Amino acid sequence: MQRNATTRFPILLVHGLFGFEKVGQSELFHDIKEALRTAGARVFIPYVSATHCNEARGEQLLAQIDRVLDGTGAARVNLIGHGQGALAGRYAGAVAPDIVASVTSVNGPNQGSELADFLRKALTPGRLPEHVASRVATLFADFISSLSGQAQLPQHAIAALAALTTEGVGAFNDKYPQGLPRNWGGNGAQEVNGVRYYSWSGTVQDTAENAAGAAHGFCRAFSEYFITEAGQNDGIVGRFSSHLGKVIRSDYPMDHLDAINQSVGGERCKGTDPVALYLRHAERLRIVGL
């Protein structure tokens, strides 16, 4: 069945940590952008720092939103953020609700990431390990930016990591609580200041098809560092930590990279169809007039 994704407002797909729009022939939102466009949506991928704190990336996103509004004549936009991109979207929706129609979190660390907690503790503040990690991560982010063919933006790897810990996101949530559930694992307010909030995510689930996949193997290995949400995470973000606004579902059989139809070594998500989730959501936005 042909989906109708002709939303009233343009859709911006916001990448997370170490994200990019396109490097060579590789697009981060593989097939998702074209599928949405084929179904009638106006889709853009904003350019924000691959590594930086949530507020800095949020400000960059606001500048990109202004460009989209100027170019399309639209009054508002629909933001769909993956991973840390969800936090940038939340920031934009909180500080500029007049130009943001909806914020959708896809596998977003809305209560922080236990993996980020582990990695942050593993780095000794002010000592060589932190310095080395910061330097390597920043060089990698700059490398990705240069390959993407776009002007480089500032990078700050340690600030990005700190911003993704439960403590860092907790401080962020104190300032920008829109759409957050009051109870752990529940739904949040579906509309705040005229902005609608949605979320979906998945969990690492072994199947015969994905067992040999390199990307799945990474996420499976990372999932072992979760304690509070052991067995209930996508390898990067906990299932219940991802909840925001109207929770569409948080236990799709897909890991963190599956959520954007990414792979390592050529395999694709076998548990669910991530592209179909975006198409169905665009229809959802269209039905409510967004």
Protein backbone atom coordinates (compact mmCIF):
# COMPACT_ATOMS: atom_id res chain seq x y z
CA MET A 1 0.00 0.00 0.00
CA GLN A 2 1.36 3.42 -0.97
CA ARG A 3 1.82 5.63 2.07
CA ASN A 4 0.77 9.27 2.07
CA ALA A 5 3.43 11.27 3.89
CA THR A 6 2.37 14.67 2.60
CA THR A 7 2.76 16.50 5.90
CA ARG A 8 1.70 20.12 6.26
CA PHE A 9 5.13 21.11 7.57
CA PRO A 10 8.59 19.95 6.37
CA ILE A 11 10.33 17.11 8.19
CA LEU A 12 13.88 17.49 9.50
CA LEU A 13 15.77 14.27 10.29
CA VAL A 14 18.27 15.17 13.02
CA HIS A 15 21.29 12.90 13.46
CA GLY A 16 22.85 12.01 16.78
CA LEU A 17 26.40 11.58 18.04
CA PHE A 18 29.00 11.20 15.24
CA GLY A 19 26.19 11.71 12.72
CA PHE A 20 26.35 13.12 9.21
CA GLU A 21 24.08 13.52 6.20
CA LYS A 22 26.23 11.88 3.54
CA VAL A 23 29.81 10.67 3.22
CA GLY A 24 30.61 9.47 -0.28
CA GLN A 25 27.77 7.11 -1.19
CA SER A 26 26.81 6.47 2.44
CA GLU A 27 23.81 8.30 3.89
CA LEU A 28 23.13 8.09 7.60
CA PHE A 29 19.35 7.94 7.16
CA HIS A 30 19.68 5.21 4.56
CA ASP A 31 16.61 5.08 2.27
CA ILE A 32 14.50 6.93 4.86
CA LYS A 33 14.77 10.36 3.28
CA GLU A 34 13.98 9.14 -0.23
CA ALA A 35 11.10 6.96 0.97
CA LEU A 36 9.54 9.94 2.74
CA ARG A 37 10.02 12.16 -0.31
CA THR A 38 8.51 9.52 -2.60
CA ALA A 39 5.49 9.43 -0.28
CA GLY A 40 5.08 13.20 -0.57
CA ALA A 41 7.01 14.71 2.33
CA ARG A 42 9.45 17.62 2.17
CA VAL A 43 12.50 16.27 3.97
CA PHE A 44 15.75 17.90 5.07
CA ILE A 45 18.74 16.76 7.09
CA PRO A 46 20.17 19.65 9.14
CA TYR A 47 23.89 20.02 9.61
CA VAL A 48 24.88 20.03 13.27
CA SER A 49 28.11 19.18 15.09
CA ALA A 50 28.94 15.49 15.22
CA THR A 51 30.13 15.94 18.82
CA HIS A 52 28.96 18.69 21.14
CA CYS A 53 26.63 19.34 24.06
CA ASN A 54 22.86 19.27 23.63
CA GLU A 55 22.35 23.04 23.83
CA ALA A 56 25.06 23.82 21.26
CA ARG A 57 23.62 21.30 18.81
CA GLY A 58 20.15 22.67 19.55
CA GLU A 59 21.23 26.20 18.65
CA GLN A 60 22.75 24.92 15.41
CA LEU A 61 19.48 23.14 14.68
CA LEU A 62 17.51 26.34 15.21
CA ALA A 63 19.69 28.09 12.62
CA GLN A 64 19.03 25.24 10.17
CA ILE A 65 15.28 25.44 10.86
CA ASP A 66 15.34 29.13 9.94
CA ARG A 67 16.99 28.25 6.65
CA VAL A 68 14.35 25.61 5.87
CA LEU A 69 11.53 28.02 6.72
CA ASP A 70 13.05 30.71 4.51
CA GLY A 71 13.51 28.28 1.64
CA THR A 72 10.12 26.60 1.80
CA GLY A 73 7.86 29.37 3.06
CA ALA A 74 6.58 27.02 5.75
CA ALA A 75 5.65 28.38 9.18
CA ARG A 76 6.89 25.44 11.26
CA VAL A 77 8.75 22.13 10.99
CA ASN A 78 8.43 18.56 12.25
CA LEU A 79 11.62 17.34 13.95
CA ILE A 80 12.53 13.64 14.07
CA GLY A 81 15.75 13.11 16.03
CA HIS A 82 17.73 9.91 16.40
CA GLY A 83 19.85 9.40 19.51
CA GLN A 84 21.29 12.72 20.68
CA GLY A 85 19.40 14.31 17.80
CA ALA A 86 16.26 13.86 19.88
CA LEU A 87 17.73 16.12 22.57
CA ALA A 88 18.59 18.80 20.01
CA GLY A 89 15.01 18.55 18.79
CA ARG A 90 13.66 18.85 22.31
CA TYR A 91 15.77 21.96 22.86
CA ALA A 92 14.43 23.58 19.70
CA GLY A 93 10.85 22.69 20.61
CA ALA A 94 11.28 24.10 24.11
CA VAL A 95 12.88 27.44 23.22
CA ALA A 96 11.11 28.10 19.90
CA PRO A 97 7.69 26.39 20.00
CA ASP A 98 6.34 28.89 17.47
CA ILE A 99 8.42 27.33 14.67
CA VAL A 100 8.37 23.67 15.80
CA ALA A 101 5.18 21.69 15.19
CA SER A 102 6.35 18.36 16.58
CA VAL A 103 9.35 16.66 18.16
CA THR A 104 9.79 12.92 17.70
CA SER A 105 12.46 10.97 19.55
CA VAL A 106 13.81 7.83 17.87
CA ASN A 107 15.92 5.80 20.31
CA GLY A 108 16.68 9.05 22.12
CA PRO A 109 18.45 9.10 25.52
CA ASN A 110 15.78 11.24 27.16
CA GLN A 111 16.84 10.11 30.63
CA GLY A 112 20.50 9.65 29.72
CA SER A 113 22.48 6.58 28.70
CA GLU A 114 23.97 4.03 31.06
CA LEU A 115 26.64 3.36 28.45
CA ALA A 116 27.61 7.04 28.54
CA ASP A 117 27.79 6.79 32.35
CA PHE A 118 30.19 3.86 32.06
CA LEU A 119 32.39 5.56 29.47
CA ARG A 120 32.51 8.83 31.40
CA LYS A 121 33.60 7.08 34.57
CA ALA A 122 36.27 5.23 32.65
CA LEU A 123 37.90 8.56 31.76
CA THR A 124 39.86 10.19 34.55
CA PRO A 125 39.09 13.94 34.52
CA GLY A 126 42.09 16.09 33.69
CA ARG A 127 44.37 13.15 33.01
CA LEU A 128 45.78 11.51 29.91
CA PRO A 129 42.92 9.06 29.19
CA GLU A 130 40.38 11.88 28.96
CA HIS A 131 42.73 13.99 26.85
CA VAL A 132 43.45 11.13 24.47
CA ALA A 133 39.79 10.14 24.17
CA SER A 134 38.77 13.74 23.51
CA ARG A 135 41.47 14.22 20.88
CA VAL A 136 40.66 10.99 19.04
CA ALA A 137 36.92 11.60 19.09
CA THR A 138 37.31 15.19 17.91
CA LEU A 139 39.65 14.16 15.09
CA PHE A 140 37.14 11.52 14.02
CA ALA A 141 34.29 14.04 14.06
CA ASP A 142 36.35 16.52 12.03
CA PHE A 143 37.21 13.75 9.59
CA ILE A 144 33.52 12.89 9.12
CA SER A 145 32.72 16.58 8.62
CA SER A 146 35.43 17.00 6.00
CA LEU A 147 34.25 13.93 4.08
CA SER A 148 30.70 15.23 4.08
CA GLY A 149 31.81 18.21 1.99
CA GLN A 150 30.25 20.78 4.32
CA ALA A 151 31.84 23.53 6.36
CA GLN A 152 33.17 22.29 9.65
CA LEU A 153 31.36 23.09 12.85
CA PRO A 154 32.93 23.13 16.33
CA GLN A 155 33.38 19.74 17.98
CA HIS A 156 33.62 18.90 21.68
CA ALA A 157 33.74 15.18 22.34
CA ILE A 158 33.93 15.26 26.14
CA ALA A 159 31.10 17.79 26.32
CA ALA A 160 29.04 15.46 24.14
CA LEU A 161 29.74 12.46 26.36
CA ALA A 162 28.98 14.39 29.55
CA ALA A 163 25.74 15.65 27.98
CA LEU A 164 24.58 12.07 27.38
CA THR A 165 25.13 10.73 30.90
CA THR A 166 22.17 10.38 33.24
CA GLU A 167 23.52 13.32 35.22
CA GLY A 168 24.05 15.47 32.14
CA VAL A 169 20.63 14.71 30.67
CA GLY A 170 19.10 15.19 34.12
CA ALA A 171 20.40 18.75 34.19
CA PHE A 172 19.13 19.26 30.64
CA ASN A 173 15.71 17.89 31.64
CA ASP A 174 15.49 20.32 34.56
CA LYS A 175 15.59 23.16 32.02
CA TYR A 176 13.64 21.52 29.20
CA PRO A 177 11.11 19.02 30.66
CA GLN A 178 8.56 19.26 27.84
CA GLY A 179 7.13 15.86 26.94
CA LEU A 180 8.91 13.89 29.67
CA PRO A 181 6.94 11.20 31.54
CA ARG A 182 6.21 11.87 35.19
CA ASN A 183 6.49 8.18 35.96
CA TRP A 184 9.35 5.92 34.88
CA GLY A 185 8.41 4.00 31.76
CA GLY A 186 5.21 5.96 31.18
CA ASN A 187 3.98 8.40 28.57
CA GLY A 188 4.65 12.12 28.73
CA ALA A 189 2.48 15.06 27.83
CA GLN A 190 1.52 14.70 24.18
CA GLU A 191 1.33 18.44 23.57
CA VAL A 192 3.16 21.29 25.30
CA ASN A 193 3.03 24.93 24.14
CA GLY A 194 1.50 23.79 20.87
CA VAL A 195 4.29 21.29 20.14
CA ARG A 196 3.37 17.60 19.87
CA TYR A 197 5.79 15.02 21.32
CA TYR A 198 6.24 11.41 20.20
CA SER A 199 8.79 8.63 20.64
CA TRP A 200 9.66 5.12 19.57
CA SER A 201 12.66 2.86 20.14
CA GLY A 202 13.75 -0.77 20.24
CA THR A 203 15.81 -3.32 22.09
CA VAL A 204 18.66 -5.66 21.18
CA GLN A 205 17.06 -8.98 20.32
CA ASP A 206 19.05 -11.89 18.90
CA THR A 207 17.64 -13.66 15.88
CA ALA A 208 19.10 -16.20 13.46
CA GLU A 209 19.26 -13.47 10.82
CA ASN A 210 21.15 -10.80 12.76
CA ALA A 211 23.37 -12.97 14.98
CA ALA A 212 26.33 -12.69 12.61
CA GLY A 213 25.92 -9.00 11.85
CA ALA A 214 28.81 -6.76 12.88
CA ALA A 215 26.59 -3.81 13.85
CA HIS A 216 24.37 -6.04 15.92
CA GLY A 217 27.46 -7.54 17.56
CA PHE A 218 28.63 -4.08 18.64
CA CYS A 219 25.25 -3.20 20.11
CA ARG A 220 24.98 -6.59 21.80
CA ALA A 221 28.40 -6.05 23.40
CA PHE A 222 27.53 -2.53 24.55
CA SER A 223 24.23 -3.72 25.99
CA GLU A 224 26.14 -5.69 28.63
CA TYR A 225 27.10 -2.42 30.37
CA PHE A 226 23.50 -1.64 31.28
CA ILE A 227 22.36 -2.34 34.84
CA THR A 228 19.08 -0.49 35.41
CA GLU A 229 17.82 -1.49 31.99
CA ALA A 230 19.66 -4.76 31.54
CA GLY A 231 18.07 -6.67 28.68
CA GLN A 232 15.88 -3.65 27.89
CA ASN A 233 18.11 -1.46 25.74
CA ASP A 234 19.25 -0.99 22.15
CA GLY A 235 22.94 -1.19 23.03
CA ILE A 236 23.25 2.58 23.45
CA VAL A 237 19.97 3.75 25.02
CA GLY A 238 17.67 2.10 27.54
CA ARG A 239 14.13 1.31 26.47
CA PHE A 240 12.34 3.25 29.21
CA SER A 241 14.92 6.02 29.17
CA SER A 242 13.82 6.71 25.60
CA HIS A 243 10.19 7.51 26.46
CA LEU A 244 8.92 10.95 25.46
CA GLY A 245 5.40 12.26 24.85
CA LYS A 246 3.17 9.69 23.18
CA VAL A 247 5.17 6.47 23.21
CA ILE A 248 4.34 4.64 19.99
CA ARG A 249 6.35 1.58 21.05
CA SER A 250 9.67 1.08 22.80
CA ASP A 251 10.44 -2.60 22.25
CA TYR A 252 10.70 -2.93 18.50
CA PRO A 253 13.19 -5.70 17.68
CA MET A 254 15.94 -3.34 16.52
CA ASP A 255 19.16 -2.00 17.95
CA HIS A 256 20.40 1.60 17.93
CA LEU A 257 21.78 1.48 14.37
CA ASP A 258 18.81 -0.47 13.04
CA ALA A 259 16.66 2.52 13.98
CA ILE A 260 18.18 4.54 11.12
CA ASN A 261 18.51 1.57 8.78
CA GLN A 262 22.27 1.49 9.16
CA SER A 263 24.55 -1.50 9.01
CA VAL A 264 28.17 -2.55 9.22
CA GLY A 265 29.15 -5.09 6.60
CA GLY A 266 25.98 -4.76 4.53
CA GLU A 267 23.36 -6.41 6.72
CA ARG A 268 20.06 -4.69 7.41
CA CYS A 269 17.58 -4.92 10.26
CA LYS A 270 15.67 -8.20 10.13
CA GLY A 271 13.46 -7.66 13.17
CA THR A 272 11.38 -4.77 11.84
CA ASP A 273 11.31 -2.34 8.93
CA PRO A 274 12.70 0.99 10.21
CA VAL A 275 11.82 2.84 7.00
CA ALA A 276 8.17 1.84 7.42
CA LEU A 277 8.18 3.34 10.93
CA TYR A 278 9.12 6.76 9.53
CA LEU A 279 6.51 6.50 6.77
CA ARG A 280 3.77 5.55 9.23
CA HIS A 281 4.80 8.40 11.48
CA ALA A 282 4.66 10.92 8.65
CA GLU A 283 1.11 9.72 7.99
CA ARG A 284 0.38 10.14 11.69
CA LEU A 285 1.61 13.73 11.56
CA ARG A 286 -0.41 14.41 8.42
CA ILE A 287 -3.61 13.09 9.99
CA VAL A 288 -3.34 15.49 12.94
CA GLY A 289 -2.67 18.41 10.62
CA LEU A 290 1.08 18.68 10.99
